[in-house]
Amino acid sequence: MAIPLAPIAFTAARYGTVALAAYYTARKVQLSQTNQASEDALDTVVEGVSAHKCTDAPQGNAALRWRRVVRWGDTGPGLEIDIAAMGRIRVKKV
């Protein structure tokens, strides 16, 4: 009985592509130090999504914060997940 190689080859190519992308990304990431001013700014972000456009500068700012506690069972161990992000887009004519 013949082994169908086409589905196996397609799956191997897919996993190989994902592995190569992960390897490339891991090689390009640079280690950095923790900036306490940035940490403090992220701690002040309110929960939810907010955005605004500055009137005095050609830029837009956005912030996002999502905080949840995930528990396994009623009294089981839990994890607190806190995701905060800030972004800025500047457009300047040169």
PDB file of N, CA and C in Angstrom:
ATOM      1  N   MET A   1       0.839  -1.178   0.000  1.00  0.00           N
ATOM      2  CA  MET A   1       0.000   0.000   0.000  1.00  0.00           C
ATOM      3  C   MET A   1       0.886   1.244   0.000  1.00  0.00           C
ATOM      4  N   ALA A   2       0.588   2.182  -0.839  1.00  0.00           N
ATOM      5  CA  ALA A   2       1.398   3.389  -1.000  1.00  0.00           C
ATOM      6  C   ALA A   2       1.108   4.384   0.124  1.00  0.00           C
ATOM      7  N   ILE A   3       2.139   5.098   0.539  1.00  0.00           N
ATOM      8  CA  ILE A   3       1.998   6.129   1.568  1.00  0.00           C
ATOM      9  C   ILE A   3       1.732   7.462   0.867  1.00  0.00           C
ATOM     10  N   PRO A   4       0.664   8.183   1.254  1.00  0.00           N
ATOM     11  CA  PRO A   4       0.392   9.483   0.620  1.00  0.00           C
ATOM     12  C   PRO A   4       1.384  10.538   1.126  1.00  0.00           C
ATOM     13  N   LEU A   5       2.322  10.893   0.299  1.00  0.00           N
ATOM     14  CA  LEU A   5       3.376  11.824   0.705  1.00  0.00           C
ATOM     15  C   LEU A   5       2.981  13.283   0.588  1.00  0.00           C
ATOM     16  N   ALA A   6       2.013  13.597  -0.245  1.00  0.00           N
ATOM     17  CA  ALA A   6       1.638  15.003  -0.444  1.00  0.00           C
ATOM     18  C   ALA A   6       1.123  15.651   0.845  1.00  0.00           C
ATOM     19  N   PRO A   7       0.193  15.036   1.602  1.00  0.00           N
ATOM     20  CA  PRO A   7      -0.235  15.675   2.853  1.00  0.00           C
ATOM     21  C   PRO A   7       0.881  15.773   3.882  1.00  0.00           C
ATOM     22  N   ILE A   8       1.739  14.770   3.933  1.00  0.00           N
ATOM     23  CA  ILE A   8       2.859  14.788   4.883  1.00  0.00           C
ATOM     24  C   ILE A   8       3.837  15.894   4.508  1.00  0.00           C
ATOM     25  N   ALA A   9       4.131  16.047   3.249  1.00  0.00           N
ATOM     26  CA  ALA A   9       5.063  17.080   2.798  1.00  0.00           C
ATOM     27  C   ALA A   9       4.491  18.469   3.048  1.00  0.00           C
ATOM     28  N   PHE A  10       3.184  18.647   2.819  1.00  0.00           N
ATOM     29  CA  PHE A  10       2.557  19.945   3.058  1.00  0.00           C
ATOM     30  C   PHE A  10       2.621  20.313   4.542  1.00  0.00           C
ATOM     31  N   THR A  11       2.325  19.366   5.416  1.00  0.00           N
ATOM     32  CA  THR A  11       2.381  19.617   6.857  1.00  0.00           C
ATOM     33  C   THR A  11       3.812  19.903   7.298  1.00  0.00           C
ATOM     34  N   ALA A  12       4.772  19.159   6.775  1.00  0.00           N
ATOM     35  CA  ALA A  12       6.176  19.396   7.121  1.00  0.00           C
ATOM     36  C   ALA A  12       6.630  20.776   6.652  1.00  0.00           C
ATOM     37  N   ALA A  13       6.185  21.191   5.480  1.00  0.00           N
ATOM     38  CA  ALA A  13       6.554  22.519   4.979  1.00  0.00           C
ATOM     39  C   ALA A  13       5.946  23.615   5.849  1.00  0.00           C
ATOM     40  N   ARG A  14       4.709  23.403   6.295  1.00  0.00           N
ATOM     41  CA  ARG A  14       4.058  24.395   7.167  1.00  0.00           C
ATOM     42  C   ARG A  14       4.806  24.533   8.482  1.00  0.00           C
ATOM     43  N   TYR A  15       5.098  23.405   9.128  1.00  0.00           N
ATOM     44  CA  TYR A  15       5.817  23.450  10.403  1.00  0.00           C
ATOM     45  C   TYR A  15       7.232  23.988  10.219  1.00  0.00           C
ATOM     46  N   GLY A  16       7.855  23.665   9.106  1.00  0.00           N
ATOM     47  CA  GLY A  16       9.189  24.185   8.832  1.00  0.00           C
ATOM     48  C   GLY A  16       9.181  25.693   8.664  1.00  0.00           C
ATOM     49  N   THR A  17       8.156  26.226   8.010  1.00  0.00           N
ATOM     50  CA  THR A  17       8.034  27.669   7.831  1.00  0.00           C
ATOM     51  C   THR A  17       7.849  28.370   9.169  1.00  0.00           C
ATOM     52  N   VAL A  18       6.999  27.813  10.020  1.00  0.00           N
ATOM     53  CA  VAL A  18       6.781  28.401  11.349  1.00  0.00           C
ATOM     54  C   VAL A  18       8.065  28.343  12.167  1.00  0.00           C
ATOM     55  N   ALA A  19       8.782  27.225  12.113  1.00  0.00           N
ATOM     56  CA  ALA A  19      10.033  27.093  12.860  1.00  0.00           C
ATOM     57  C   ALA A  19      11.080  28.085  12.359  1.00  0.00           C
ATOM     58  N   LEU A  20      11.183  28.267  11.056  1.00  0.00           N
ATOM     59  CA  LEU A  20      12.136  29.234  10.506  1.00  0.00           C
ATOM     60  C   LEU A  20      11.782  30.663  10.909  1.00  0.00           C
ATOM     61  N   ALA A  21      10.501  31.008  10.893  1.00  0.00           N
ATOM     62  CA  ALA A  21      10.077  32.349  11.298  1.00  0.00           C
ATOM     63  C   ALA A  21      10.384  32.583  12.780  1.00  0.00           C
ATOM     64  N   ALA A  22      10.136  31.580  13.619  1.00  0.00           N
ATOM     65  CA  ALA A  22      10.434  31.710  15.046  1.00  0.00           C
ATOM     66  C   ALA A  22      11.936  31.840  15.281  1.00  0.00           C
ATOM     67  N   TYR A  23      12.738  31.070  14.564  1.00  0.00           N
ATOM     68  CA  TYR A  23      14.192  31.147  14.703  1.00  0.00           C
ATOM     69  C   TYR A  23      14.707  32.519  14.264  1.00  0.00           C
ATOM     70  N   TYR A  24      14.219  33.025  13.142  1.00  0.00           N
ATOM     71  CA  TYR A  24      14.644  34.325  12.637  1.00  0.00           C
ATOM     72  C   TYR A  24      14.265  35.433  13.621  1.00  0.00           C
ATOM     73  N   THR A  25      13.046  35.375  14.145  1.00  0.00           N
ATOM     74  CA  THR A  25      12.592  36.378  15.110  1.00  0.00           C
ATOM     75  C   THR A  25      13.421  36.319  16.384  1.00  0.00           C
ATOM     76  N   ALA A  26      13.704  35.128  16.859  1.00  0.00           N
ATOM     77  CA  ALA A  26      14.499  34.978  18.083  1.00  0.00           C
ATOM     78  C   ALA A  26      15.913  35.519  17.897  1.00  0.00           C
ATOM     79  N   ARG A  27      16.464  35.400  16.717  1.00  0.00           N
ATOM     80  CA  ARG A  27      17.818  35.912  16.463  1.00  0.00           C
ATOM     81  C   ARG A  27      17.851  37.435  16.372  1.00  0.00           C
ATOM     82  N   LYS A  28      16.748  38.048  15.953  1.00  0.00           N
ATOM     83  CA  LYS A  28      16.707  39.493  15.773  1.00  0.00           C
ATOM     84  C   LYS A  28      16.322  40.263  17.029  1.00  0.00           C
ATOM     85  N   VAL A  29      15.749  39.599  18.029  1.00  0.00           N
ATOM     86  CA  VAL A  29      15.328  40.283  19.252  1.00  0.00           C
ATOM     87  C   VAL A  29      16.559  40.641  20.071  1.00  0.00           C
ATOM     88  N   GLN A  30      16.626  41.888  20.500  1.00  0.00           N
ATOM     89  CA  GLN A  30      17.749  42.351  21.306  1.00  0.00           C
ATOM     90  C   GLN A  30      17.328  42.439  22.769  1.00  0.00           C
ATOM     91  N   LEU A  31      18.218  42.066  23.663  1.00  0.00           N
ATOM     92  CA  LEU A  31      17.939  42.178  25.084  1.00  0.00           C
ATOM     93  C   LEU A  31      18.112  43.625  25.520  1.00  0.00           C
ATOM     94  N   SER A  32      17.231  44.075  26.398  1.00  0.00           N
ATOM     95  CA  SER A  32      17.309  45.450  26.862  1.00  0.00           C
ATOM     96  C   SER A  32      17.114  45.492  28.368  1.00  0.00           C
ATOM     97  N   GLN A  33      17.416  46.622  28.949  1.00  0.00           N
ATOM     98  CA  GLN A  33      17.227  46.813  30.373  1.00  0.00           C
ATOM     99  C   GLN A  33      15.834  47.368  30.625  1.00  0.00           C
ATOM    100  N   THR A  34      15.346  47.168  31.848  1.00  0.00           N
ATOM    101  CA  THR A  34      14.044  47.698  32.221  1.00  0.00           C
ATOM    102  C   THR A  34      14.167  49.194  32.483  1.00  0.00           C
ATOM    103  N   ASN A  35      13.310  49.975  31.822  1.00  0.00           N
ATOM    104  CA  ASN A  35      13.283  51.415  31.996  1.00  0.00           C
ATOM    105  C   ASN A  35      12.179  51.739  33.003  1.00  0.00           C
ATOM    106  N   GLN A  36      12.543  52.212  34.190  1.00  0.00           N
ATOM    107  CA  GLN A  36      11.568  52.432  35.249  1.00  0.00           C
ATOM    108  C   GLN A  36      10.554  53.510  34.893  1.00  0.00           C
ATOM    109  N   ALA A  37      10.955  54.527  34.150  1.00  0.00           N
ATOM    110  CA  ALA A  37      10.010  55.563  33.732  1.00  0.00           C
ATOM    111  C   ALA A  37       8.925  54.976  32.824  1.00  0.00           C
ATOM    112  N   SER A  38       9.303  54.069  31.940  1.00  0.00           N
ATOM    113  CA  SER A  38       8.325  53.406  31.076  1.00  0.00           C
ATOM    114  C   SER A  38       7.403  52.504  31.884  1.00  0.00           C
ATOM    115  N   GLU A  39       7.962  51.786  32.856  1.00  0.00           N
ATOM    116  CA  GLU A  39       7.146  50.935  33.726  1.00  0.00           C
ATOM    117  C   GLU A  39       6.116  51.762  34.482  1.00  0.00           C
ATOM    118  N   ASP A  40       6.528  52.911  35.000  1.00  0.00           N
ATOM    119  CA  ASP A  40       5.598  53.783  35.729  1.00  0.00           C
ATOM    120  C   ASP A  40       4.510  54.324  34.807  1.00  0.00           C
ATOM    121  N   ALA A  41       4.878  54.666  33.574  1.00  0.00           N
ATOM    122  CA  ALA A  41       3.890  55.171  32.621  1.00  0.00           C
ATOM    123  C   ALA A  41       2.872  54.083  32.270  1.00  0.00           C
ATOM    124  N   LEU A  42       3.316  52.843  32.107  1.00  0.00           N
ATOM    125  CA  LEU A  42       2.389  51.754  31.804  1.00  0.00           C
ATOM    126  C   LEU A  42       1.474  51.448  32.987  1.00  0.00           C
ATOM    127  N   ASP A  43       1.956  51.662  34.214  1.00  0.00           N
ATOM    128  CA  ASP A  43       1.122  51.435  35.394  1.00  0.00           C
ATOM    129  C   ASP A  43       0.009  52.465  35.515  1.00  0.00           C
ATOM    130  N   THR A  44       0.158  53.638  34.905  1.00  0.00           N
ATOM    131  CA  THR A  44      -0.865  54.682  35.004  1.00  0.00           C
ATOM    132  C   THR A  44      -1.936  54.578  33.919  1.00  0.00           C
ATOM    133  N   VAL A  45      -1.779  53.666  32.960  1.00  0.00           N
ATOM    134  CA  VAL A  45      -2.764  53.506  31.895  1.00  0.00           C
ATOM    135  C   VAL A  45      -4.050  52.950  32.490  1.00  0.00           C
ATOM    136  N   VAL A  46      -5.191  53.560  32.161  1.00  0.00           N
ATOM    137  CA  VAL A  46      -6.482  53.086  32.665  1.00  0.00           C
ATOM    138  C   VAL A  46      -6.923  51.860  31.860  1.00  0.00           C
ATOM    139  N   GLU A  47      -7.762  51.028  32.487  1.00  0.00           N
ATOM    140  CA  GLU A  47      -8.195  49.811  31.812  1.00  0.00           C
ATOM    141  C   GLU A  47      -9.136  50.147  30.658  1.00  0.00           C
ATOM    142  N   GLY A  48      -8.952  49.451  29.553  1.00  0.00           N
ATOM    143  CA  GLY A  48      -9.748  49.674  28.348  1.00  0.00           C
ATOM    144  C   GLY A  48      -8.871  50.206  27.224  1.00  0.00           C
ATOM    145  N   VAL A  49      -9.505  50.695  26.192  1.00  0.00           N
ATOM    146  CA  VAL A  49      -8.809  51.240  25.026  1.00  0.00           C
ATOM    147  C   VAL A  49      -9.129  52.721  24.924  1.00  0.00           C
ATOM    148  N   SER A  50      -8.107  53.533  24.732  1.00  0.00           N
ATOM    149  CA  SER A  50      -8.317  54.966  24.564  1.00  0.00           C
ATOM    150  C   SER A  50      -7.393  55.483  23.468  1.00  0.00           C
ATOM    151  N   ALA A  51      -7.849  56.521  22.792  1.00  0.00           N
ATOM    152  CA  ALA A  51      -7.041  57.132  21.732  1.00  0.00           C
ATOM    153  C   ALA A  51      -7.430  58.603  21.611  1.00  0.00           C
ATOM    154  N   HIS A  52      -6.469  59.415  21.221  1.00  0.00           N
ATOM    155  CA  HIS A  52      -6.765  60.818  20.951  1.00  0.00           C
ATOM    156  C   HIS A  52      -5.747  61.396  19.986  1.00  0.00           C
ATOM    157  N   LYS A  53      -6.146  62.481  19.338  1.00  0.00           N
ATOM    158  CA  LYS A  53      -5.267  63.206  18.416  1.00  0.00           C
ATOM    159  C   LYS A  53      -4.887  64.508  19.079  1.00  0.00           C
ATOM    160  N   CYS A  54      -3.612  64.809  19.103  1.00  0.00           N
ATOM    161  CA  CYS A  54      -3.120  66.036  19.719  1.00  0.00           C
ATOM    162  C   CYS A  54      -3.488  67.231  18.848  1.00  0.00           C
ATOM    163  N   THR A  55      -3.866  68.328  19.503  1.00  0.00           N
ATOM    164  CA  THR A  55      -4.201  69.545  18.755  1.00  0.00           C
ATOM    165  C   THR A  55      -2.964  70.386  18.475  1.00  0.00           C
ATOM    166  N   ASP A  56      -1.931  70.260  19.309  1.00  0.00           N
ATOM    167  CA  ASP A  56      -0.738  71.091  19.140  1.00  0.00           C
ATOM    168  C   ASP A  56       0.367  70.408  18.346  1.00  0.00           C
ATOM    169  N   ALA A  57       0.229  69.113  18.053  1.00  0.00           N
ATOM    170  CA  ALA A  57       1.262  68.400  17.312  1.00  0.00           C
ATOM    171  C   ALA A  57       0.598  67.421  16.347  1.00  0.00           C
ATOM    172  N   PRO A  58       1.248  67.152  15.214  1.00  0.00           N
ATOM    173  CA  PRO A  58       0.656  66.208  14.254  1.00  0.00           C
ATOM    174  C   PRO A  58       0.907  64.760  14.660  1.00  0.00           C
ATOM    175  N   GLN A  59       0.263  64.327  15.733  1.00  0.00           N
ATOM    176  CA  GLN A  59       0.453  62.961  16.202  1.00  0.00           C
ATOM    177  C   GLN A  59      -0.828  62.445  16.844  1.00  0.00           C
ATOM    178  N   GLY A  60      -0.939  61.136  16.882  1.00  0.00           N
ATOM    179  CA  GLY A  60      -2.050  60.484  17.549  1.00  0.00           C
ATOM    180  C   GLY A  60      -1.506  59.519  18.579  1.00  0.00           C
ATOM    181  N   ASN A  61      -2.172  59.418  19.712  1.00  0.00           N
ATOM    182  CA  ASN A  61      -1.733  58.540  20.789  1.00  0.00           C
ATOM    183  C   ASN A  61      -2.830  57.527  21.093  1.00  0.00           C
ATOM    184  N   ALA A  62      -2.426  56.338  21.496  1.00  0.00           N
ATOM    185  CA  ALA A  62      -3.383  55.303  21.866  1.00  0.00           C
ATOM    186  C   ALA A  62      -2.827  54.520  23.049  1.00  0.00           C
ATOM    187  N   ALA A  63      -3.733  54.003  23.876  1.00  0.00           N
ATOM    188  CA  ALA A  63      -3.333  53.198  25.027  1.00  0.00           C
ATOM    189  C   ALA A  63      -4.323  52.060  25.205  1.00  0.00           C
ATOM    190  N   LEU A  64      -3.832  50.954  25.746  1.00  0.00           N
ATOM    191  CA  LEU A  64      -4.647  49.779  25.978  1.00  0.00           C
ATOM    192  C   LEU A  64      -4.203  49.131  27.277  1.00  0.00           C
ATOM    193  N   ARG A  65      -5.181  48.707  28.080  1.00  0.00           N
ATOM    194  CA  ARG A  65      -4.849  47.947  29.285  1.00  0.00           C
ATOM    195  C   ARG A  65      -5.926  46.906  29.504  1.00  0.00           C
ATOM    196  N   TRP A  66      -5.480  45.682  29.809  1.00  0.00           N
ATOM    197  CA  TRP A  66      -6.385  44.566  30.053  1.00  0.00           C
ATOM    198  C   TRP A  66      -5.857  43.818  31.261  1.00  0.00           C
ATOM    199  N   ARG A  67      -6.664  43.749  32.313  1.00  0.00           N
ATOM    200  CA  ARG A  67      -6.254  43.062  33.549  1.00  0.00           C
ATOM    201  C   ARG A  67      -7.306  42.018  33.906  1.00  0.00           C
ATOM    202  N   ARG A  68      -6.854  40.800  34.157  1.00  0.00           N
ATOM    203  CA  ARG A  68      -7.744  39.721  34.550  1.00  0.00           C
ATOM    204  C   ARG A  68      -7.012  38.779  35.510  1.00  0.00           C
ATOM    205  N   VAL A  69      -7.792  38.098  36.333  1.00  0.00           N
ATOM    206  CA  VAL A  69      -7.277  37.029  37.190  1.00  0.00           C
ATOM    207  C   VAL A  69      -7.886  35.727  36.692  1.00  0.00           C
ATOM    208  N   VAL A  70      -7.044  34.765  36.386  1.00  0.00           N
ATOM    209  CA  VAL A  70      -7.485  33.469  35.891  1.00  0.00           C
ATOM    210  C   VAL A  70      -7.217  32.448  36.980  1.00  0.00           C
ATOM    211  N   ARG A  71      -8.240  31.695  37.368  1.00  0.00           N
ATOM    212  CA  ARG A  71      -8.106  30.673  38.408  1.00  0.00           C
ATOM    213  C   ARG A  71      -8.469  29.306  37.846  1.00  0.00           C
ATOM    214  N   TRP A  72      -7.782  28.282  38.345  1.00  0.00           N
ATOM    215  CA  TRP A  72      -8.105  26.907  38.028  1.00  0.00           C
ATOM    216  C   TRP A  72      -8.906  26.355  39.196  1.00  0.00           C
ATOM    217  N   GLY A  73     -10.215  26.217  39.010  1.00  0.00           N
ATOM    218  CA  GLY A  73     -11.099  25.773  40.076  1.00  0.00           C
ATOM    219  C   GLY A  73     -11.557  26.953  40.922  1.00  0.00           C
ATOM    220  N   ASP A  74     -12.429  26.673  41.900  1.00  0.00           N
ATOM    221  CA  ASP A  74     -12.960  27.737  42.748  1.00  0.00           C
ATOM    222  C   ASP A  74     -11.915  28.305  43.700  1.00  0.00           C
ATOM    223  N   THR A  75     -11.095  27.445  44.281  1.00  0.00           N
ATOM    224  CA  THR A  75     -10.087  27.906  45.238  1.00  0.00           C
ATOM    225  C   THR A  75      -8.679  27.540  44.783  1.00  0.00           C
ATOM    226  N   GLY A  76      -8.537  27.203  43.539  1.00  0.00           N
ATOM    227  CA  GLY A  76      -7.245  26.762  43.024  1.00  0.00           C
ATOM    228  C   GLY A  76      -6.276  27.908  42.804  1.00  0.00           C
ATOM    229  N   PRO A  77      -5.073  27.570  42.357  1.00  0.00           N
ATOM    230  CA  PRO A  77      -4.081  28.611  42.088  1.00  0.00           C
ATOM    231  C   PRO A  77      -4.519  29.511  40.945  1.00  0.00           C
ATOM    232  N   GLY A  78      -4.042  30.722  40.977  1.00  0.00           N
ATOM    233  CA  GLY A  78      -4.442  31.676  39.954  1.00  0.00           C
ATOM    234  C   GLY A  78      -3.278  32.457  39.391  1.00  0.00           C
ATOM    235  N   LEU A  79      -3.545  33.112  38.305  1.00  0.00           N
ATOM    236  CA  LEU A  79      -2.582  33.996  37.649  1.00  0.00           C
ATOM    237  C   LEU A  79      -3.248  35.338  37.417  1.00  0.00           C
ATOM    238  N   GLU A  80      -2.528  36.411  37.695  1.00  0.00           N
ATOM    239  CA  GLU A  80      -3.012  37.733  37.336  1.00  0.00           C
ATOM    240  C   GLU A  80      -2.319  38.132  36.043  1.00  0.00           C
ATOM    241  N   ILE A  81      -3.119  38.451  35.042  1.00  0.00           N
ATOM    242  CA  ILE A  81      -2.596  38.851  33.736  1.00  0.00           C
ATOM    243  C   ILE A  81      -2.849  40.342  33.577  1.00  0.00           C
ATOM    244  N   ASP A  82      -1.786  41.091  33.313  1.00  0.00           N
ATOM    245  CA  ASP A  82      -1.875  42.546  33.139  1.00  0.00           C
ATOM    246  C   ASP A  82      -1.157  42.901  31.841  1.00  0.00           C
ATOM    247  N   ILE A  83      -1.924  43.281  30.834  1.00  0.00           N
ATOM    248  CA  ILE A  83      -1.361  43.662  29.539  1.00  0.00           C
ATOM    249  C   ILE A  83      -1.578  45.159  29.360  1.00  0.00           C
ATOM    250  N   ALA A  84      -0.506  45.890  29.150  1.00  0.00           N
ATOM    251  CA  ALA A  84      -0.596  47.335  28.937  1.00  0.00           C
ATOM    252  C   ALA A  84       0.263  47.693  27.727  1.00  0.00           C
ATOM    253  N   ALA A  85      -0.261  48.578  26.900  1.00  0.00           N
ATOM    254  CA  ALA A  85       0.478  49.006  25.712  1.00  0.00           C
ATOM    255  C   ALA A  85       0.156  50.468  25.425  1.00  0.00           C
ATOM    256  N   MET A  86       1.148  51.164  24.949  1.00  0.00           N
ATOM    257  CA  MET A  86       0.972  52.556  24.540  1.00  0.00           C
ATOM    258  C   MET A  86       1.573  52.696  23.150  1.00  0.00           C
ATOM    259  N   GLY A  87       0.963  53.534  22.344  1.00  0.00           N
ATOM    260  CA  GLY A  87       1.472  53.737  20.996  1.00  0.00           C
ATOM    261  C   GLY A  87       1.368  55.182  20.576  1.00  0.00           C
ATOM    262  N   ARG A  88       2.240  55.546  19.673  1.00  0.00           N
ATOM    263  CA  ARG A  88       2.225  56.911  19.145  1.00  0.00           C
ATOM    264  C   ARG A  88       2.542  56.857  17.669  1.00  0.00           C
ATOM    265  N   ILE A  89       1.801  57.624  16.912  1.00  0.00           N
ATOM    266  CA  ILE A  89       2.071  57.760  15.481  1.00  0.00           C
ATOM    267  C   ILE A  89       2.285  59.231  15.199  1.00  0.00           C
ATOM    268  N   ARG A  90       3.440  59.558  14.671  1.00  0.00           N
ATOM    269  CA  ARG A  90       3.757  60.940  14.292  1.00  0.00           C
ATOM    270  C   ARG A  90       3.879  61.025  12.786  1.00  0.00           C
ATOM    271  N   VAL A  91       3.315  62.063  12.230  1.00  0.00           N
ATOM    272  CA  VAL A  91       3.446  62.327  10.809  1.00  0.00           C
ATOM    273  C   VAL A  91       4.015  63.735  10.672  1.00  0.00           C
ATOM    274  N   LYS A  92       5.173  63.824  10.047  1.00  0.00           N
ATOM    275  CA  LYS A  92       5.826  65.133   9.923  1.00  0.00           C
ATOM    276  C   LYS A  92       6.278  65.310   8.483  1.00  0.00           C
ATOM    277  N   LYS A  93       5.924  66.411   7.921  1.00  0.00           N
ATOM    278  CA  LYS A  93       6.334  66.709   6.558  1.00  0.00           C
ATOM    279  C   LYS A  93       7.779  67.205   6.579  1.00  0.00           C
ATOM    280  N   VAL A  94       8.619  66.628   5.735  1.00  0.00           N
ATOM    281  CA  VAL A  94      10.031  67.032   5.694  1.00  0.00           C
ATOM    282  C   VAL A  94      10.369  67.610   4.358  1.00  0.00           C
TER     283      VAL A  94
END
